[in-house]
Structure formats: structure tokens, C-alpha cells
Amino acid sequence: MKNKILYILVVIISFISCKTEKKPKNEIIETPKNERIDSLGNRYLELGRFSGVILINKEDTIIYIV
């Protein structure tokens, strides 16, 4: 009987602890800023000092990603 109660409590706690995440909103920035960010990223890439992704985020909104 104690094992059944323990299992039920574990299941209930696991359901309570599950949290759904909000998907971030996408917002596009102006083209001149895009070009400046791209040129800066490309400059570092050509110098061999960058390998990765550029992500600009404001609160829960993705503003720019490459």
C-alpha cells in the first residue's frame, strides 16, 4: 500500500514539475543593420576568429539569427 502511494506521488510530482516553454517570437530588424551584422561576422570568419551562430535576442523575441 505504501509503495502504491509513493508511486502515485512520484507521478503527480513529475506532472506538476513539467513546464511548457513559450516559443520565442520572431522580429526582423532593418536591412542596413542586417548588412552591418553580416559584414562584421564575415570579417571575423575570414580572420579565422569566428565559428558559430549569430543570435540577437531581446527578452523572449528573436531579432536576428544567422
PDB file of N, CA and C in Angstrom:
ATOM      1  N   MET A   1       0.818  -1.193   0.000  1.00  0.00           N
ATOM      2  CA  MET A   1       0.000   0.000   0.000  1.00  0.00           C
ATOM      3  C   MET A   1       0.866   1.264   0.000  1.00  0.00           C
ATOM      4  N   LYS A   2       1.930   1.239   0.809  1.00  0.00           N
ATOM      5  CA  LYS A   2       2.823   2.393   0.872  1.00  0.00           C
ATOM      6  C   LYS A   2       3.520   2.615  -0.471  1.00  0.00           C
ATOM      7  N   ASN A   3       3.860   1.517  -1.153  1.00  0.00           N
ATOM      8  CA  ASN A   3       4.526   1.634  -2.457  1.00  0.00           C
ATOM      9  C   ASN A   3       3.603   2.274  -3.487  1.00  0.00           C
ATOM     10  N   LYS A   4       2.329   1.914  -3.463  1.00  0.00           N
ATOM     11  CA  LYS A   4       1.367   2.479  -4.407  1.00  0.00           C
ATOM     12  C   LYS A   4       1.225   3.983  -4.196  1.00  0.00           C
ATOM     13  N   ILE A   5       1.148   4.385  -2.953  1.00  0.00           N
ATOM     14  CA  ILE A   5       1.029   5.809  -2.635  1.00  0.00           C
ATOM     15  C   ILE A   5       2.290   6.549  -3.068  1.00  0.00           C
ATOM     16  N   LEU A   6       3.442   5.930  -2.833  1.00  0.00           N
ATOM     17  CA  LEU A   6       4.702   6.540  -3.236  1.00  0.00           C
ATOM     18  C   LEU A   6       4.767   6.705  -4.755  1.00  0.00           C
ATOM     19  N   TYR A   7       4.381   5.678  -5.501  1.00  0.00           N
ATOM     20  CA  TYR A   7       4.380   5.762  -6.957  1.00  0.00           C
ATOM     21  C   TYR A   7       3.415   6.833  -7.465  1.00  0.00           C
ATOM     22  N   ILE A   8       2.246   6.917  -6.861  1.00  0.00           N
ATOM     23  CA  ILE A   8       1.269   7.931  -7.260  1.00  0.00           C
ATOM     24  C   ILE A   8       1.819   9.330  -6.980  1.00  0.00           C
ATOM     25  N   LEU A   9       2.469   9.512  -5.837  1.00  0.00           N
ATOM     26  CA  LEU A   9       3.064  10.814  -5.518  1.00  0.00           C
ATOM     27  C   LEU A   9       4.167  11.184  -6.503  1.00  0.00           C
ATOM     28  N   VAL A  10       4.985  10.215  -6.885  1.00  0.00           N
ATOM     29  CA  VAL A  10       6.058  10.473  -7.841  1.00  0.00           C
ATOM     30  C   VAL A  10       5.471  10.893  -9.188  1.00  0.00           C
ATOM     31  N   VAL A  11       4.423  10.215  -9.627  1.00  0.00           N
ATOM     32  CA  VAL A  11       3.788  10.558 -10.902  1.00  0.00           C
ATOM     33  C   VAL A  11       3.174  11.956 -10.834  1.00  0.00           C
ATOM     34  N   ILE A  12       2.493  12.259  -9.758  1.00  0.00           N
ATOM     35  CA  ILE A  12       1.870  13.580  -9.606  1.00  0.00           C
ATOM     36  C   ILE A  12       2.930  14.675  -9.579  1.00  0.00           C
ATOM     37  N   ILE A  13       3.995  14.464  -8.853  1.00  0.00           N
ATOM     38  CA  ILE A  13       5.066  15.462  -8.768  1.00  0.00           C
ATOM     39  C   ILE A  13       5.732  15.650 -10.127  1.00  0.00           C
ATOM     40  N   SER A  14       5.926  14.560 -10.860  1.00  0.00           N
ATOM     41  CA  SER A  14       6.554  14.692 -12.178  1.00  0.00           C
ATOM     42  C   SER A  14       5.661  15.472 -13.144  1.00  0.00           C
ATOM     43  N   PHE A  15       4.345  15.291 -13.073  1.00  0.00           N
ATOM     44  CA  PHE A  15       3.441  16.058 -13.926  1.00  0.00           C
ATOM     45  C   PHE A  15       3.413  17.529 -13.530  1.00  0.00           C
ATOM     46  N   ILE A  16       3.463  17.797 -12.254  1.00  0.00           N
ATOM     47  CA  ILE A  16       3.447  19.179 -11.780  1.00  0.00           C
ATOM     48  C   ILE A  16       4.729  19.903 -12.173  1.00  0.00           C
ATOM     49  N   SER A  17       5.849  19.176 -12.155  1.00  0.00           N
ATOM     50  CA  SER A  17       7.127  19.826 -12.432  1.00  0.00           C
ATOM     51  C   SER A  17       7.352  20.078 -13.914  1.00  0.00           C
ATOM     52  N   CYS A  18       6.570  19.453 -14.783  1.00  0.00           N
ATOM     53  CA  CYS A  18       6.706  19.689 -16.228  1.00  0.00           C
ATOM     54  C   CYS A  18       6.230  21.103 -16.542  1.00  0.00           C
ATOM     55  N   LYS A  19       7.019  21.796 -17.330  1.00  0.00           N
ATOM     56  CA  LYS A  19       6.686  23.176 -17.656  1.00  0.00           C
ATOM     57  C   LYS A  19       6.765  23.338 -19.166  1.00  0.00           C
ATOM     58  N   THR A  20       5.758  23.946 -19.727  1.00  0.00           N
ATOM     59  CA  THR A  20       5.798  24.208 -21.157  1.00  0.00           C
ATOM     60  C   THR A  20       6.494  25.539 -21.384  1.00  0.00           C
ATOM     61  N   GLU A  21       7.330  25.579 -22.410  1.00  0.00           N
ATOM     62  CA  GLU A  21       8.046  26.799 -22.734  1.00  0.00           C
ATOM     63  C   GLU A  21       7.342  27.523 -23.869  1.00  0.00           C
ATOM     64  N   LYS A  22       7.331  28.822 -23.764  1.00  0.00           N
ATOM     65  CA  LYS A  22       6.769  29.626 -24.834  1.00  0.00           C
ATOM     66  C   LYS A  22       7.777  29.689 -25.967  1.00  0.00           C
ATOM     67  N   LYS A  23       7.294  29.589 -27.189  1.00  0.00           N
ATOM     68  CA  LYS A  23       8.176  29.737 -28.337  1.00  0.00           C
ATOM     69  C   LYS A  23       8.465  31.222 -28.520  1.00  0.00           C
ATOM     70  N   PRO A  24       9.730  31.547 -28.765  1.00  0.00           N
ATOM     71  CA  PRO A  24      10.055  32.960 -28.939  1.00  0.00           C
ATOM     72  C   PRO A  24       9.435  33.532 -30.207  1.00  0.00           C
ATOM     73  N   LYS A  25       9.078  34.791 -30.123  1.00  0.00           N
ATOM     74  CA  LYS A  25       8.543  35.496 -31.280  1.00  0.00           C
ATOM     75  C   LYS A  25       9.707  35.931 -32.159  1.00  0.00           C
ATOM     76  N   ASN A  26       9.471  35.990 -33.434  1.00  0.00           N
ATOM     77  CA  ASN A  26      10.495  36.460 -34.366  1.00  0.00           C
ATOM     78  C   ASN A  26      10.172  37.874 -34.805  1.00  0.00           C
ATOM     79  N   GLU A  27      11.170  38.708 -34.778  1.00  0.00           N
ATOM     80  CA  GLU A  27      11.029  40.094 -35.211  1.00  0.00           C
ATOM     81  C   GLU A  27      12.226  40.402 -36.101  1.00  0.00           C
ATOM     82  N   ILE A  28      11.996  40.929 -37.261  1.00  0.00           N
ATOM     83  CA  ILE A  28      13.072  41.180 -38.207  1.00  0.00           C
ATOM     84  C   ILE A  28      13.545  42.619 -38.061  1.00  0.00           C
ATOM     85  N   ILE A  29      14.884  42.783 -38.005  1.00  0.00           N
ATOM     86  CA  ILE A  29      15.429  44.140 -37.911  1.00  0.00           C
ATOM     87  C   ILE A  29      15.653  44.689 -39.314  1.00  0.00           C
ATOM     88  N   GLU A  30      15.931  45.971 -39.399  1.00  0.00           N
ATOM     89  CA  GLU A  30      16.066  46.645 -40.678  1.00  0.00           C
ATOM     90  C   GLU A  30      17.248  46.094 -41.481  1.00  0.00           C
ATOM     91  N   THR A  31      17.174  46.217 -42.790  1.00  0.00           N
ATOM     92  CA  THR A  31      18.201  45.699 -43.698  1.00  0.00           C
ATOM     93  C   THR A  31      19.580  46.322 -43.467  1.00  0.00           C
ATOM     94  N   PRO A  32      19.715  47.651 -43.249  1.00  0.00           N
ATOM     95  CA  PRO A  32      21.062  48.191 -43.011  1.00  0.00           C
ATOM     96  C   PRO A  32      21.753  47.550 -41.807  1.00  0.00           C
ATOM     97  N   LYS A  33      21.001  47.286 -40.752  1.00  0.00           N
ATOM     98  CA  LYS A  33      21.592  46.635 -39.591  1.00  0.00           C
ATOM     99  C   LYS A  33      21.958  45.189 -39.918  1.00  0.00           C
ATOM    100  N   ASN A  34      21.121  44.519 -40.695  1.00  0.00           N
ATOM    101  CA  ASN A  34      21.437  43.156 -41.118  1.00  0.00           C
ATOM    102  C   ASN A  34      22.759  43.117 -41.864  1.00  0.00           C
ATOM    103  N   GLU A  35      22.943  44.061 -42.791  1.00  0.00           N
ATOM    104  CA  GLU A  35      24.164  44.099 -43.589  1.00  0.00           C
ATOM    105  C   GLU A  35      25.382  44.378 -42.722  1.00  0.00           C
ATOM    106  N   ARG A  36      25.245  45.252 -41.740  1.00  0.00           N
ATOM    107  CA  ARG A  36      26.368  45.556 -40.845  1.00  0.00           C
ATOM    108  C   ARG A  36      26.733  44.350 -39.996  1.00  0.00           C
ATOM    109  N   ILE A  37      25.724  43.642 -39.502  1.00  0.00           N
ATOM    110  CA  ILE A  37      25.980  42.445 -38.700  1.00  0.00           C
ATOM    111  C   ILE A  37      26.626  41.361 -39.559  1.00  0.00           C
ATOM    112  N   ASP A  38      26.124  41.178 -40.780  1.00  0.00           N
ATOM    113  CA  ASP A  38      26.703  40.187 -41.694  1.00  0.00           C
ATOM    114  C   ASP A  38      28.155  40.512 -42.022  1.00  0.00           C
ATOM    115  N   SER A  39      28.441  41.785 -42.303  1.00  0.00           N
ATOM    116  CA  SER A  39      29.811  42.154 -42.658  1.00  0.00           C
ATOM    117  C   SER A  39      30.758  41.946 -41.483  1.00  0.00           C
ATOM    118  N   LEU A  40      30.310  42.259 -40.283  1.00  0.00           N
ATOM    119  CA  LEU A  40      31.136  42.040 -39.096  1.00  0.00           C
ATOM    120  C   LEU A  40      31.390  40.548 -38.885  1.00  0.00           C
ATOM    121  N   GLY A  41      30.339  39.738 -39.004  1.00  0.00           N
ATOM    122  CA  GLY A  41      30.504  38.293 -38.857  1.00  0.00           C
ATOM    123  C   GLY A  41      31.416  37.714 -39.916  1.00  0.00           C
ATOM    124  N   ASN A  42      31.272  38.173 -41.156  1.00  0.00           N
ATOM    125  CA  ASN A  42      32.127  37.685 -42.244  1.00  0.00           C
ATOM    126  C   ASN A  42      33.580  38.092 -42.047  1.00  0.00           C
ATOM    127  N   ARG A  43      33.798  39.303 -41.515  1.00  0.00           N
ATOM    128  CA  ARG A  43      35.170  39.749 -41.252  1.00  0.00           C
ATOM    129  C   ARG A  43      35.857  38.828 -40.244  1.00  0.00           C
ATOM    130  N   TYR A  44      35.158  38.510 -39.152  1.00  0.00           N
ATOM    131  CA  TYR A  44      35.734  37.610 -38.156  1.00  0.00           C
ATOM    132  C   TYR A  44      35.900  36.198 -38.714  1.00  0.00           C
ATOM    133  N   LEU A  45      34.990  35.770 -39.578  1.00  0.00           N
ATOM    134  CA  LEU A  45      35.097  34.452 -40.198  1.00  0.00           C
ATOM    135  C   LEU A  45      36.327  34.375 -41.100  1.00  0.00           C
ATOM    136  N   GLU A  46      36.567  35.420 -41.888  1.00  0.00           N
ATOM    137  CA  GLU A  46      37.739  35.451 -42.769  1.00  0.00           C
ATOM    138  C   GLU A  46      39.040  35.466 -41.978  1.00  0.00           C
ATOM    139  N   LEU A  47      39.032  36.092 -40.811  1.00  0.00           N
ATOM    140  CA  LEU A  47      40.228  36.115 -39.967  1.00  0.00           C
ATOM    141  C   LEU A  47      40.434  34.802 -39.218  1.00  0.00           C
ATOM    142  N   GLY A  48      39.466  33.913 -39.303  1.00  0.00           N
ATOM    143  CA  GLY A  48      39.570  32.636 -38.597  1.00  0.00           C
ATOM    144  C   GLY A  48      39.308  32.758 -37.106  1.00  0.00           C
ATOM    145  N   ARG A  49      38.607  33.795 -36.701  1.00  0.00           N
ATOM    146  CA  ARG A  49      38.342  34.032 -35.273  1.00  0.00           C
ATOM    147  C   ARG A  49      36.890  33.784 -34.900  1.00  0.00           C
ATOM    148  N   PHE A  50      36.116  33.232 -35.842  1.00  0.00           N
ATOM    149  CA  PHE A  50      34.698  33.012 -35.557  1.00  0.00           C
ATOM    150  C   PHE A  50      34.245  31.716 -36.190  1.00  0.00           C
ATOM    151  N   SER A  51      33.520  30.963 -35.414  1.00  0.00           N
ATOM    152  CA  SER A  51      32.897  29.741 -35.912  1.00  0.00           C
ATOM    153  C   SER A  51      31.651  29.531 -35.061  1.00  0.00           C
ATOM    154  N   GLY A  52      30.499  29.790 -35.613  1.00  0.00           N
ATOM    155  CA  GLY A  52      29.298  29.635 -34.806  1.00  0.00           C
ATOM    156  C   GLY A  52      28.092  30.299 -35.420  1.00  0.00           C
ATOM    157  N   VAL A  53      27.224  30.771 -34.551  1.00  0.00           N
ATOM    158  CA  VAL A  53      25.951  31.355 -34.947  1.00  0.00           C
ATOM    159  C   VAL A  53      25.841  32.737 -34.322  1.00  0.00           C
ATOM    160  N   ILE A  54      25.241  33.662 -35.053  1.00  0.00           N
ATOM    161  CA  ILE A  54      24.961  34.988 -34.508  1.00  0.00           C
ATOM    162  C   ILE A  54      23.477  35.036 -34.165  1.00  0.00           C
ATOM    163  N   LEU A  55      23.176  35.334 -32.912  1.00  0.00           N
ATOM    164  CA  LEU A  55      21.798  35.426 -32.445  1.00  0.00           C
ATOM    165  C   LEU A  55      21.648  36.712 -31.660  1.00  0.00           C
ATOM    166  N   ILE A  56      20.693  37.531 -32.058  1.00  0.00           N
ATOM    167  CA  ILE A  56      20.375  38.750 -31.315  1.00  0.00           C
ATOM    168  C   ILE A  56      18.977  38.566 -30.755  1.00  0.00           C
ATOM    169  N   ASN A  57      18.877  38.702 -29.452  1.00  0.00           N
ATOM    170  CA  ASN A  57      17.654  38.395 -28.738  1.00  0.00           C
ATOM    171  C   ASN A  57      17.291  39.565 -27.829  1.00  0.00           C
ATOM    172  N   LYS A  58      16.014  39.893 -27.774  1.00  0.00           N
ATOM    173  CA  LYS A  58      15.534  40.922 -26.852  1.00  0.00           C
ATOM    174  C   LYS A  58      14.368  40.315 -26.092  1.00  0.00           C
ATOM    175  N   GLU A  59      14.569  40.112 -24.789  1.00  0.00           N
ATOM    176  CA  GLU A  59      13.612  39.432 -23.926  1.00  0.00           C
ATOM    177  C   GLU A  59      13.295  38.061 -24.526  1.00  0.00           C
ATOM    178  N   ASP A  60      12.070  37.788 -24.922  1.00  0.00           N
ATOM    179  CA  ASP A  60      11.749  36.467 -25.485  1.00  0.00           C
ATOM    180  C   ASP A  60      11.540  36.531 -26.997  1.00  0.00           C
ATOM    181  N   THR A  61      12.078  37.568 -27.632  1.00  0.00           N
ATOM    182  CA  THR A  61      11.908  37.749 -29.070  1.00  0.00           C
ATOM    183  C   THR A  61      13.247  37.600 -29.772  1.00  0.00           C
ATOM    184  N   ILE A  62      13.306  36.726 -30.782  1.00  0.00           N
ATOM    185  CA  ILE A  62      14.481  36.591 -31.603  1.00  0.00           C
ATOM    186  C   ILE A  62      14.444  37.693 -32.650  1.00  0.00           C
ATOM    187  N   ILE A  63      15.460  38.537 -32.641  1.00  0.00           N
ATOM    188  CA  ILE A  63      15.509  39.666 -33.558  1.00  0.00           C
ATOM    189  C   ILE A  63      16.305  39.320 -34.807  1.00  0.00           C
ATOM    190  N   TYR A  64      17.417  38.602 -34.636  1.00  0.00           N
ATOM    191  CA  TYR A  64      18.275  38.285 -35.771  1.00  0.00           C
ATOM    192  C   TYR A  64      18.989  36.980 -35.482  1.00  0.00           C
ATOM    193  N   ILE A  65      19.034  36.082 -36.460  1.00  0.00           N
ATOM    194  CA  ILE A  65      19.767  34.831 -36.309  1.00  0.00           C
ATOM    195  C   ILE A  65      20.341  34.430 -37.665  1.00  0.00           C
ATOM    196  N   VAL A  66      21.612  34.034 -37.641  1.00  0.00           N
ATOM    197  CA  VAL A  66      22.288  33.529 -38.836  1.00  0.00           C
ATOM    198  C   VAL A  66      23.090  32.330 -38.450  1.00  0.00           C
TER     199      VAL A  66
END
